[in-house]
Amino acid sequence: MSTFETHCQESIDRFGQPFAEVHRWLDAFSGTEPYRMRHRRVRHHEAGIREVVRLFGTEAGSVARHHIISDLKEEGWTEQDPFPRNEADYVGMGLY
């Protein structure tokens, strides 16, 4: 599982700064009831990226997409798979 520190370092390497607020926002439900490790379903999709852009700006949307793709790949998702649109789509794809 990618850690907060890993996501921040990847952002520094790729975007020049850690974007800690974006990573915290994306993973805000991690470990909380009722989600625990299934927290990704809440914000790890296109709707989550749109909200990141609204909250943190356009560049943050690219950071969020990178974070989400990194996490999706841990779940077996590939670049050839469709990108989840929202929470229902995420769950419908068998991702959690």
PDB file of N, CA and C in Angstrom:
ATOM      1  N   MET A   1       0.834  -1.183   0.000  1.00  0.00           N
ATOM      2  CA  MET A   1       0.000   0.000   0.000  1.00  0.00           C
ATOM      3  C   MET A   1       0.876   1.243   0.000  1.00  0.00           C
ATOM      4  N   SER A   2       0.563   2.174  -0.882  1.00  0.00           N
ATOM      5  CA  SER A   2       1.301   3.433  -0.913  1.00  0.00           C
ATOM      6  C   SER A   2       1.005   4.231   0.350  1.00  0.00           C
ATOM      7  N   THR A   3       2.048   4.772   0.919  1.00  0.00           N
ATOM      8  CA  THR A   3       1.888   5.581   2.119  1.00  0.00           C
ATOM      9  C   THR A   3       1.765   7.057   1.742  1.00  0.00           C
ATOM     10  N   PHE A   4       1.361   7.844   2.718  1.00  0.00           N
ATOM     11  CA  PHE A   4       1.299   9.294   2.544  1.00  0.00           C
ATOM     12  C   PHE A   4       2.662   9.821   2.096  1.00  0.00           C
ATOM     13  N   GLU A   5       3.703   9.343   2.758  1.00  0.00           N
ATOM     14  CA  GLU A   5       5.061   9.794   2.428  1.00  0.00           C
ATOM     15  C   GLU A   5       5.443   9.418   0.993  1.00  0.00           C
ATOM     16  N   THR A   6       5.065   8.231   0.570  1.00  0.00           N
ATOM     17  CA  THR A   6       5.349   7.802  -0.807  1.00  0.00           C
ATOM     18  C   THR A   6       4.632   8.690  -1.808  1.00  0.00           C
ATOM     19  N   HIS A   7       3.351   8.953  -1.566  1.00  0.00           N
ATOM     20  CA  HIS A   7       2.594   9.825  -2.470  1.00  0.00           C
ATOM     21  C   HIS A   7       3.230  11.227  -2.528  1.00  0.00           C
ATOM     22  N   CYS A   8       3.620  11.754  -1.379  1.00  0.00           N
ATOM     23  CA  CYS A   8       4.243  13.083  -1.352  1.00  0.00           C
ATOM     24  C   CYS A   8       5.571  13.087  -2.115  1.00  0.00           C
ATOM     25  N   GLN A   9       6.381  12.058  -1.930  1.00  0.00           N
ATOM     26  CA  GLN A   9       7.664  11.997  -2.631  1.00  0.00           C
ATOM     27  C   GLN A   9       7.449  11.881  -4.141  1.00  0.00           C
ATOM     28  N   GLU A  10       6.485  11.061  -4.555  1.00  0.00           N
ATOM     29  CA  GLU A  10       6.177  10.956  -5.989  1.00  0.00           C
ATOM     30  C   GLU A  10       5.749  12.316  -6.543  1.00  0.00           C
ATOM     31  N   SER A  11       4.998  13.079  -5.758  1.00  0.00           N
ATOM     32  CA  SER A  11       4.568  14.405  -6.204  1.00  0.00           C
ATOM     33  C   SER A  11       5.741  15.368  -6.303  1.00  0.00           C
ATOM     34  N   ILE A  12       6.662  15.295  -5.368  1.00  0.00           N
ATOM     35  CA  ILE A  12       7.861  16.136  -5.441  1.00  0.00           C
ATOM     36  C   ILE A  12       8.640  15.796  -6.705  1.00  0.00           C
ATOM     37  N   ASP A  13       8.829  14.501  -6.941  1.00  0.00           N
ATOM     38  CA  ASP A  13       9.590  14.054  -8.114  1.00  0.00           C
ATOM     39  C   ASP A  13       8.913  14.457  -9.418  1.00  0.00           C
ATOM     40  N   ARG A  14       7.603  14.369  -9.461  1.00  0.00           N
ATOM     41  CA  ARG A  14       6.872  14.589 -10.712  1.00  0.00           C
ATOM     42  C   ARG A  14       6.371  16.022 -10.892  1.00  0.00           C
ATOM     43  N   PHE A  15       5.966  16.672  -9.783  1.00  0.00           N
ATOM     44  CA  PHE A  15       5.325  17.984  -9.865  1.00  0.00           C
ATOM     45  C   PHE A  15       6.079  19.099  -9.142  1.00  0.00           C
ATOM     46  N   GLY A  16       7.168  18.752  -8.443  1.00  0.00           N
ATOM     47  CA  GLY A  16       8.006  19.769  -7.823  1.00  0.00           C
ATOM     48  C   GLY A  16       7.628  20.177  -6.416  1.00  0.00           C
ATOM     49  N   GLN A  17       6.546  19.631  -5.896  1.00  0.00           N
ATOM     50  CA  GLN A  17       6.147  19.901  -4.515  1.00  0.00           C
ATOM     51  C   GLN A  17       5.301  18.733  -4.005  1.00  0.00           C
ATOM     52  N   PRO A  18       5.152  18.602  -2.689  1.00  0.00           N
ATOM     53  CA  PRO A  18       4.511  17.400  -2.143  1.00  0.00           C
ATOM     54  C   PRO A  18       2.990  17.315  -2.301  1.00  0.00           C
ATOM     55  N   PHE A  19       2.310  18.441  -2.394  1.00  0.00           N
ATOM     56  CA  PHE A  19       0.849  18.460  -2.480  1.00  0.00           C
ATOM     57  C   PHE A  19       0.221  17.628  -1.364  1.00  0.00           C
ATOM     58  N   ALA A  20       0.751  17.792  -0.163  1.00  0.00           N
ATOM     59  CA  ALA A  20       0.289  17.020   0.997  1.00  0.00           C
ATOM     60  C   ALA A  20      -1.212  17.161   1.215  1.00  0.00           C
ATOM     61  N   GLU A  21      -1.757  18.360   1.004  1.00  0.00           N
ATOM     62  CA  GLU A  21      -3.185  18.578   1.249  1.00  0.00           C
ATOM     63  C   GLU A  21      -4.050  17.738   0.313  1.00  0.00           C
ATOM     64  N   VAL A  22      -3.580  17.523  -0.902  1.00  0.00           N
ATOM     65  CA  VAL A  22      -4.318  16.700  -1.863  1.00  0.00           C
ATOM     66  C   VAL A  22      -4.316  15.243  -1.404  1.00  0.00           C
ATOM     67  N   HIS A  23      -3.164  14.746  -1.022  1.00  0.00           N
ATOM     68  CA  HIS A  23      -3.064  13.348  -0.582  1.00  0.00           C
ATOM     69  C   HIS A  23      -3.862  13.110   0.701  1.00  0.00           C
ATOM     70  N   ARG A  24      -3.814  14.070   1.614  1.00  0.00           N
ATOM     71  CA  ARG A  24      -4.617  13.943   2.841  1.00  0.00           C
ATOM     72  C   ARG A  24      -6.104  13.922   2.511  1.00  0.00           C
ATOM     73  N   TRP A  25      -6.519  14.786   1.601  1.00  0.00           N
ATOM     74  CA  TRP A  25      -7.939  14.852   1.243  1.00  0.00           C
ATOM     75  C   TRP A  25      -8.383  13.549   0.573  1.00  0.00           C
ATOM     76  N   LEU A  26      -7.599  13.034  -0.369  1.00  0.00           N
ATOM     77  CA  LEU A  26      -7.964  11.798  -1.060  1.00  0.00           C
ATOM     78  C   LEU A  26      -8.091  10.624  -0.098  1.00  0.00           C
ATOM     79  N   ASP A  27      -7.242  10.569   0.902  1.00  0.00           N
ATOM     80  CA  ASP A  27      -7.211   9.440   1.822  1.00  0.00           C
ATOM     81  C   ASP A  27      -7.854   9.734   3.176  1.00  0.00           C
ATOM     82  N   ALA A  28      -8.666  10.774   3.241  1.00  0.00           N
ATOM     83  CA  ALA A  28      -9.245  11.201   4.519  1.00  0.00           C
ATOM     84  C   ALA A  28     -10.063  10.115   5.212  1.00  0.00           C
ATOM     85  N   PHE A  29     -10.654   9.198   4.462  1.00  0.00           N
ATOM     86  CA  PHE A  29     -11.493   8.162   5.059  1.00  0.00           C
ATOM     87  C   PHE A  29     -10.726   6.881   5.376  1.00  0.00           C
ATOM     88  N   SER A  30      -9.438   6.850   5.096  1.00  0.00           N
ATOM     89  CA  SER A  30      -8.625   5.660   5.348  1.00  0.00           C
ATOM     90  C   SER A  30      -8.635   5.309   6.831  1.00  0.00           C
ATOM     91  N   GLY A  31      -8.953   4.057   7.116  1.00  0.00           N
ATOM     92  CA  GLY A  31      -8.940   3.585   8.490  1.00  0.00           C
ATOM     93  C   GLY A  31     -10.145   3.974   9.319  1.00  0.00           C
ATOM     94  N   THR A  32     -11.086   4.694   8.726  1.00  0.00           N
ATOM     95  CA  THR A  32     -12.271   5.101   9.472  1.00  0.00           C
ATOM     96  C   THR A  32     -13.416   4.130   9.201  1.00  0.00           C
ATOM     97  N   GLU A  33     -14.326   4.058  10.131  1.00  0.00           N
ATOM     98  CA  GLU A  33     -15.527   3.238   9.940  1.00  0.00           C
ATOM     99  C   GLU A  33     -16.472   3.994   9.013  1.00  0.00           C
ATOM    100  N   PRO A  34     -17.124   3.360   8.129  1.00  0.00           N
ATOM    101  CA  PRO A  34     -17.122   1.919   7.885  1.00  0.00           C
ATOM    102  C   PRO A  34     -16.125   1.497   6.805  1.00  0.00           C
ATOM    103  N   TYR A  35     -15.253   2.388   6.367  1.00  0.00           N
ATOM    104  CA  TYR A  35     -14.443   2.141   5.174  1.00  0.00           C
ATOM    105  C   TYR A  35     -13.163   1.354   5.404  1.00  0.00           C
ATOM    106  N   ARG A  36     -12.384   1.740   6.394  1.00  0.00           N
ATOM    107  CA  ARG A  36     -11.063   1.149   6.593  1.00  0.00           C
ATOM    108  C   ARG A  36     -10.265   1.219   5.290  1.00  0.00           C
ATOM    109  N   MET A  37      -9.801   0.068   4.762  1.00  0.00           N
ATOM    110  CA  MET A  37      -9.015   0.078   3.520  1.00  0.00           C
ATOM    111  C   MET A  37      -9.890   0.286   2.283  1.00  0.00           C
ATOM    112  N   ARG A  38     -11.172   0.259   2.446  1.00  0.00           N
ATOM    113  CA  ARG A  38     -12.061   0.476   1.301  1.00  0.00           C
ATOM    114  C   ARG A  38     -12.390   1.955   1.125  1.00  0.00           C
ATOM    115  N   HIS A  39     -11.592   2.792   1.741  1.00  0.00           N
ATOM    116  CA  HIS A  39     -11.800   4.242   1.667  1.00  0.00           C
ATOM    117  C   HIS A  39     -11.652   4.778   0.248  1.00  0.00           C
ATOM    118  N   ARG A  40     -10.920   4.086  -0.600  1.00  0.00           N
ATOM    119  CA  ARG A  40     -10.635   4.600  -1.943  1.00  0.00           C
ATOM    120  C   ARG A  40     -11.897   4.793  -2.764  1.00  0.00           C
ATOM    121  N   ARG A  41     -12.909   4.010  -2.479  1.00  0.00           N
ATOM    122  CA  ARG A  41     -14.158   4.122  -3.225  1.00  0.00           C
ATOM    123  C   ARG A  41     -14.779   5.521  -3.102  1.00  0.00           C
ATOM    124  N   VAL A  42     -14.483   6.243  -2.036  1.00  0.00           N
ATOM    125  CA  VAL A  42     -15.121   7.537  -1.768  1.00  0.00           C
ATOM    126  C   VAL A  42     -14.597   8.650  -2.679  1.00  0.00           C
ATOM    127  N   ARG A  43     -13.283   8.684  -2.941  1.00  0.00           N
ATOM    128  CA  ARG A  43     -12.707   9.821  -3.672  1.00  0.00           C
ATOM    129  C   ARG A  43     -11.740   9.444  -4.787  1.00  0.00           C
ATOM    130  N   HIS A  44     -11.473   8.174  -4.991  1.00  0.00           N
ATOM    131  CA  HIS A  44     -10.481   7.743  -5.980  1.00  0.00           C
ATOM    132  C   HIS A  44     -11.139   7.461  -7.337  1.00  0.00           C
ATOM    133  N   HIS A  45     -11.635   8.534  -7.961  1.00  0.00           N
ATOM    134  CA  HIS A  45     -12.330   8.430  -9.246  1.00  0.00           C
ATOM    135  C   HIS A  45     -12.435   9.823  -9.862  1.00  0.00           C
ATOM    136  N   GLU A  46     -13.035   9.912 -11.072  1.00  0.00           N
ATOM    137  CA  GLU A  46     -13.151  11.204 -11.781  1.00  0.00           C
ATOM    138  C   GLU A  46     -13.870  12.253 -10.947  1.00  0.00           C
ATOM    139  N   ALA A  47     -14.938  11.875 -10.260  1.00  0.00           N
ATOM    140  CA  ALA A  47     -15.666  12.840  -9.435  1.00  0.00           C
ATOM    141  C   ALA A  47     -14.763  13.390  -8.331  1.00  0.00           C
ATOM    142  N   GLY A  48     -13.909  12.538  -7.767  1.00  0.00           N
ATOM    143  CA  GLY A  48     -12.963  12.991  -6.753  1.00  0.00           C
ATOM    144  C   GLY A  48     -11.947  13.963  -7.326  1.00  0.00           C
ATOM    145  N   ILE A  49     -11.488  13.681  -8.532  1.00  0.00           N
ATOM    146  CA  ILE A  49     -10.527  14.585  -9.190  1.00  0.00           C
ATOM    147  C   ILE A  49     -11.170  15.938  -9.446  1.00  0.00           C
ATOM    148  N   ARG A  50     -12.410  15.950  -9.904  1.00  0.00           N
ATOM    149  CA  ARG A  50     -13.101  17.236 -10.125  1.00  0.00           C
ATOM    150  C   ARG A  50     -13.196  18.034  -8.826  1.00  0.00           C
ATOM    151  N   GLU A  51     -13.442  17.351  -7.727  1.00  0.00           N
ATOM    152  CA  GLU A  51     -13.530  18.039  -6.438  1.00  0.00           C
ATOM    153  C   GLU A  51     -12.156  18.560  -6.012  1.00  0.00           C
ATOM    154  N   VAL A  52     -11.100  17.802  -6.266  1.00  0.00           N
ATOM    155  CA  VAL A  52      -9.740  18.268  -5.977  1.00  0.00           C
ATOM    156  C   VAL A  52      -9.452  19.548  -6.755  1.00  0.00           C
ATOM    157  N   VAL A  53      -9.805  19.576  -8.025  1.00  0.00           N
ATOM    158  CA  VAL A  53      -9.583  20.774  -8.855  1.00  0.00           C
ATOM    159  C   VAL A  53     -10.346  21.958  -8.261  1.00  0.00           C
ATOM    160  N   ARG A  54     -11.582  21.721  -7.859  1.00  0.00           N
ATOM    161  CA  ARG A  54     -12.386  22.797  -7.269  1.00  0.00           C
ATOM    162  C   ARG A  54     -11.760  23.302  -5.965  1.00  0.00           C
ATOM    163  N   LEU A  55     -11.260  22.397  -5.152  1.00  0.00           N
ATOM    164  CA  LEU A  55     -10.707  22.774  -3.848  1.00  0.00           C
ATOM    165  C   LEU A  55      -9.278  23.315  -3.906  1.00  0.00           C
ATOM    166  N   PHE A  56      -8.435  22.715  -4.787  1.00  0.00           N
ATOM    167  CA  PHE A  56      -6.999  22.994  -4.728  1.00  0.00           C
ATOM    168  C   PHE A  56      -6.387  23.519  -6.025  1.00  0.00           C
ATOM    169  N   GLY A  57      -7.156  23.546  -7.119  1.00  0.00           N
ATOM    170  CA  GLY A  57      -6.636  24.086  -8.370  1.00  0.00           C
ATOM    171  C   GLY A  57      -6.341  23.032  -9.421  1.00  0.00           C
ATOM    172  N   THR A  58      -6.119  23.511 -10.631  1.00  0.00           N
ATOM    173  CA  THR A  58      -5.950  22.656 -11.797  1.00  0.00           C
ATOM    174  C   THR A  58      -4.775  21.692 -11.667  1.00  0.00           C
ATOM    175  N   GLU A  59      -3.613  22.185 -11.266  1.00  0.00           N
ATOM    176  CA  GLU A  59      -2.450  21.302 -11.154  1.00  0.00           C
ATOM    177  C   GLU A  59      -2.706  20.190 -10.144  1.00  0.00           C
ATOM    178  N   ALA A  60      -3.442  20.497  -9.089  1.00  0.00           N
ATOM    179  CA  ALA A  60      -3.758  19.487  -8.079  1.00  0.00           C
ATOM    180  C   ALA A  60      -4.570  18.340  -8.680  1.00  0.00           C
ATOM    181  N   GLY A  61      -5.334  18.614  -9.734  1.00  0.00           N
ATOM    182  CA  GLY A  61      -6.077  17.552 -10.401  1.00  0.00           C
ATOM    183  C   GLY A  61      -5.151  16.520 -11.012  1.00  0.00           C
ATOM    184  N   SER A  62      -4.051  16.960 -11.596  1.00  0.00           N
ATOM    185  CA  SER A  62      -3.060  16.031 -12.150  1.00  0.00           C
ATOM    186  C   SER A  62      -2.395  15.220 -11.044  1.00  0.00           C
ATOM    187  N   VAL A  63      -2.145  15.856  -9.927  1.00  0.00           N
ATOM    188  CA  VAL A  63      -1.562  15.177  -8.771  1.00  0.00           C
ATOM    189  C   VAL A  63      -2.531  14.098  -8.270  1.00  0.00           C
ATOM    190  N   ALA A  64      -3.803  14.462  -8.162  1.00  0.00           N
ATOM    191  CA  ALA A  64      -4.815  13.505  -7.701  1.00  0.00           C
ATOM    192  C   ALA A  64      -4.911  12.312  -8.648  1.00  0.00           C
ATOM    193  N   ARG A  65      -4.914  12.569  -9.951  1.00  0.00           N
ATOM    194  CA  ARG A  65      -4.996  11.475 -10.926  1.00  0.00           C
ATOM    195  C   ARG A  65      -3.801  10.524 -10.755  1.00  0.00           C
ATOM    196  N   HIS A  66      -2.619  11.083 -10.583  1.00  0.00           N
ATOM    197  CA  HIS A  66      -1.421  10.259 -10.394  1.00  0.00           C
ATOM    198  C   HIS A  66      -1.546   9.414  -9.124  1.00  0.00           C
ATOM    199  N   HIS A  67      -1.980  10.022  -8.035  1.00  0.00           N
ATOM    200  CA  HIS A  67      -2.189   9.325  -6.757  1.00  0.00           C
ATOM    201  C   HIS A  67      -3.176   8.169  -6.957  1.00  0.00           C
ATOM    202  N   ILE A  68      -4.292   8.466  -7.603  1.00  0.00           N
ATOM    203  CA  ILE A  68      -5.344   7.466  -7.792  1.00  0.00           C
ATOM    204  C   ILE A  68      -4.850   6.316  -8.665  1.00  0.00           C
ATOM    205  N   ILE A  69      -4.171   6.624  -9.753  1.00  0.00           N
ATOM    206  CA  ILE A  69      -3.654   5.572 -10.632  1.00  0.00           C
ATOM    207  C   ILE A  69      -2.666   4.691  -9.876  1.00  0.00           C
ATOM    208  N   SER A  70      -1.816   5.289  -9.080  1.00  0.00           N
ATOM    209  CA  SER A  70      -0.869   4.518  -8.281  1.00  0.00           C
ATOM    210  C   SER A  70      -1.605   3.538  -7.364  1.00  0.00           C
ATOM    211  N   ASP A  71      -2.651   4.013  -6.713  1.00  0.00           N
ATOM    212  CA  ASP A  71      -3.424   3.159  -5.814  1.00  0.00           C
ATOM    213  C   ASP A  71      -4.227   2.111  -6.585  1.00  0.00           C
ATOM    214  N   LEU A  72      -4.820   2.504  -7.709  1.00  0.00           N
ATOM    215  CA  LEU A  72      -5.593   1.544  -8.506  1.00  0.00           C
ATOM    216  C   LEU A  72      -4.724   0.380  -8.975  1.00  0.00           C
ATOM    217  N   LYS A  73      -3.499   0.686  -9.366  1.00  0.00           N
ATOM    218  CA  LYS A  73      -2.599  -0.366  -9.829  1.00  0.00           C
ATOM    219  C   LYS A  73      -2.315  -1.376  -8.727  1.00  0.00           C
ATOM    220  N   GLU A  74      -2.325  -0.937  -7.482  1.00  0.00           N
ATOM    221  CA  GLU A  74      -2.150  -1.859  -6.360  1.00  0.00           C
ATOM    222  C   GLU A  74      -3.316  -2.840  -6.262  1.00  0.00           C
ATOM    223  N   GLU A  75      -4.459  -2.452  -6.808  1.00  0.00           N
ATOM    224  CA  GLU A  75      -5.657  -3.290  -6.765  1.00  0.00           C
ATOM    225  C   GLU A  75      -5.816  -4.128  -8.034  1.00  0.00           C
ATOM    226  N   GLY A  76      -4.836  -4.075  -8.938  1.00  0.00           N
ATOM    227  CA  GLY A  76      -4.890  -4.879 -10.153  1.00  0.00           C
ATOM    228  C   GLY A  76      -5.409  -4.155 -11.379  1.00  0.00           C
ATOM    229  N   TRP A  77      -5.738  -2.885 -11.232  1.00  0.00           N
ATOM    230  CA  TRP A  77      -6.211  -2.077 -12.356  1.00  0.00           C
ATOM    231  C   TRP A  77      -5.049  -1.837 -13.308  1.00  0.00           C
ATOM    232  N   THR A  78      -5.341  -1.780 -14.615  1.00  0.00           N
ATOM    233  CA  THR A  78      -4.312  -1.467 -15.609  1.00  0.00           C
ATOM    234  C   THR A  78      -4.754  -0.271 -16.432  1.00  0.00           C
ATOM    235  N   GLU A  79      -3.831   0.299 -17.156  1.00  0.00           N
ATOM    236  CA  GLU A  79      -4.117   1.470 -17.995  1.00  0.00           C
ATOM    237  C   GLU A  79      -5.153   1.149 -19.080  1.00  0.00           C
ATOM    238  N   GLN A  80      -5.326  -0.128 -19.402  1.00  0.00           N
ATOM    239  CA  GLN A  80      -6.310  -0.520 -20.404  1.00  0.00           C
ATOM    240  C   GLN A  80      -7.724  -0.588 -19.820  1.00  0.00           C
ATOM    241  N   ASP A  81      -7.845  -0.624 -18.513  1.00  0.00           N
ATOM    242  CA  ASP A  81      -9.150  -0.655 -17.849  1.00  0.00           C
ATOM    243  C   ASP A  81      -9.758   0.749 -17.847  1.00  0.00           C
ATOM    244  N   PRO A  82     -11.083   0.830 -17.814  1.00  0.00           N
ATOM    245  CA  PRO A  82     -11.708   2.157 -17.719  1.00  0.00           C
ATOM    246  C   PRO A  82     -11.381   2.798 -16.368  1.00  0.00           C
ATOM    247  N   PHE A  83     -11.287   4.110 -16.384  1.00  0.00           N
ATOM    248  CA  PHE A  83     -11.027   4.854 -15.151  1.00  0.00           C
ATOM    249  C   PHE A  83     -12.376   5.052 -14.457  1.00  0.00           C
ATOM    250  N   PRO A  84     -12.476   4.753 -13.160  1.00  0.00           N
ATOM    251  CA  PRO A  84     -13.765   4.886 -12.477  1.00  0.00           C
ATOM    252  C   PRO A  84     -14.281   6.325 -12.492  1.00  0.00           C
ATOM    253  N   ARG A  85     -15.587   6.463 -12.734  1.00  0.00           N
ATOM    254  CA  ARG A  85     -16.219   7.786 -12.830  1.00  0.00           C
ATOM    255  C   ARG A  85     -16.642   8.345 -11.475  1.00  0.00           C
ATOM    256  N   ASN A  86     -17.111   7.463 -10.598  1.00  0.00           N
ATOM    257  CA  ASN A  86     -17.633   7.883  -9.298  1.00  0.00           C
ATOM    258  C   ASN A  86     -17.614   6.677  -8.356  1.00  0.00           C
ATOM    259  N   GLU A  87     -18.146   6.843  -7.165  1.00  0.00           N
ATOM    260  CA  GLU A  87     -18.094   5.761  -6.183  1.00  0.00           C
ATOM    261  C   GLU A  87     -18.830   4.515  -6.668  1.00  0.00           C
ATOM    262  N   ALA A  88     -20.017   4.673  -7.229  1.00  0.00           N
ATOM    263  CA  ALA A  88     -20.779   3.515  -7.704  1.00  0.00           C
ATOM    264  C   ALA A  88     -20.026   2.788  -8.811  1.00  0.00           C
ATOM    265  N   ASP A  89     -19.426   3.534  -9.710  1.00  0.00           N
ATOM    266  CA  ASP A  89     -18.649   2.935 -10.794  1.00  0.00           C
ATOM    267  C   ASP A  89     -17.441   2.197 -10.230  1.00  0.00           C
ATOM    268  N   TYR A  90     -16.771   2.798  -9.268  1.00  0.00           N
ATOM    269  CA  TYR A  90     -15.597   2.201  -8.618  1.00  0.00           C
ATOM    270  C   TYR A  90     -15.965   0.836  -8.033  1.00  0.00           C
ATOM    271  N   VAL A  91     -17.041   0.805  -7.280  1.00  0.00           N
ATOM    272  CA  VAL A  91     -17.491  -0.436  -6.662  1.00  0.00           C
ATOM    273  C   VAL A  91     -17.960  -1.427  -7.723  1.00  0.00           C
ATOM    274  N   GLY A  92     -18.670  -0.935  -8.726  1.00  0.00           N
ATOM    275  CA  GLY A  92     -19.150  -1.786  -9.804  1.00  0.00           C
ATOM    276  C   GLY A  92     -18.033  -2.447 -10.588  1.00  0.00           C
ATOM    277  N   MET A  93     -16.867  -1.835 -10.605  1.00  0.00           N
ATOM    278  CA  MET A  93     -15.708  -2.403 -11.279  1.00  0.00           C
ATOM    279  C   MET A  93     -15.015  -3.461 -10.421  1.00  0.00           C
ATOM    280  N   GLY A  94     -15.517  -3.662  -9.217  1.00  0.00           N
ATOM    281  CA  GLY A  94     -14.921  -4.647  -8.310  1.00  0.00           C
ATOM    282  C   GLY A  94     -13.740  -4.097  -7.534  1.00  0.00           C
ATOM    283  N   LEU A  95     -13.598  -2.784  -7.510  1.00  0.00           N
ATOM    284  CA  LEU A  95     -12.523  -2.143  -6.764  1.00  0.00           C
ATOM    285  C   LEU A  95     -13.064  -1.735  -5.388  1.00  0.00           C
ATOM    286  N   TYR A  96     -12.192  -1.627  -4.444  1.00  0.00           N
ATOM    287  CA  TYR A  96     -12.594  -1.178  -3.106  1.00  0.00           C
ATOM    288  C   TYR A  96     -11.530  -0.306  -2.541  1.00  0.00           C
TER     289      TYR A  96
END
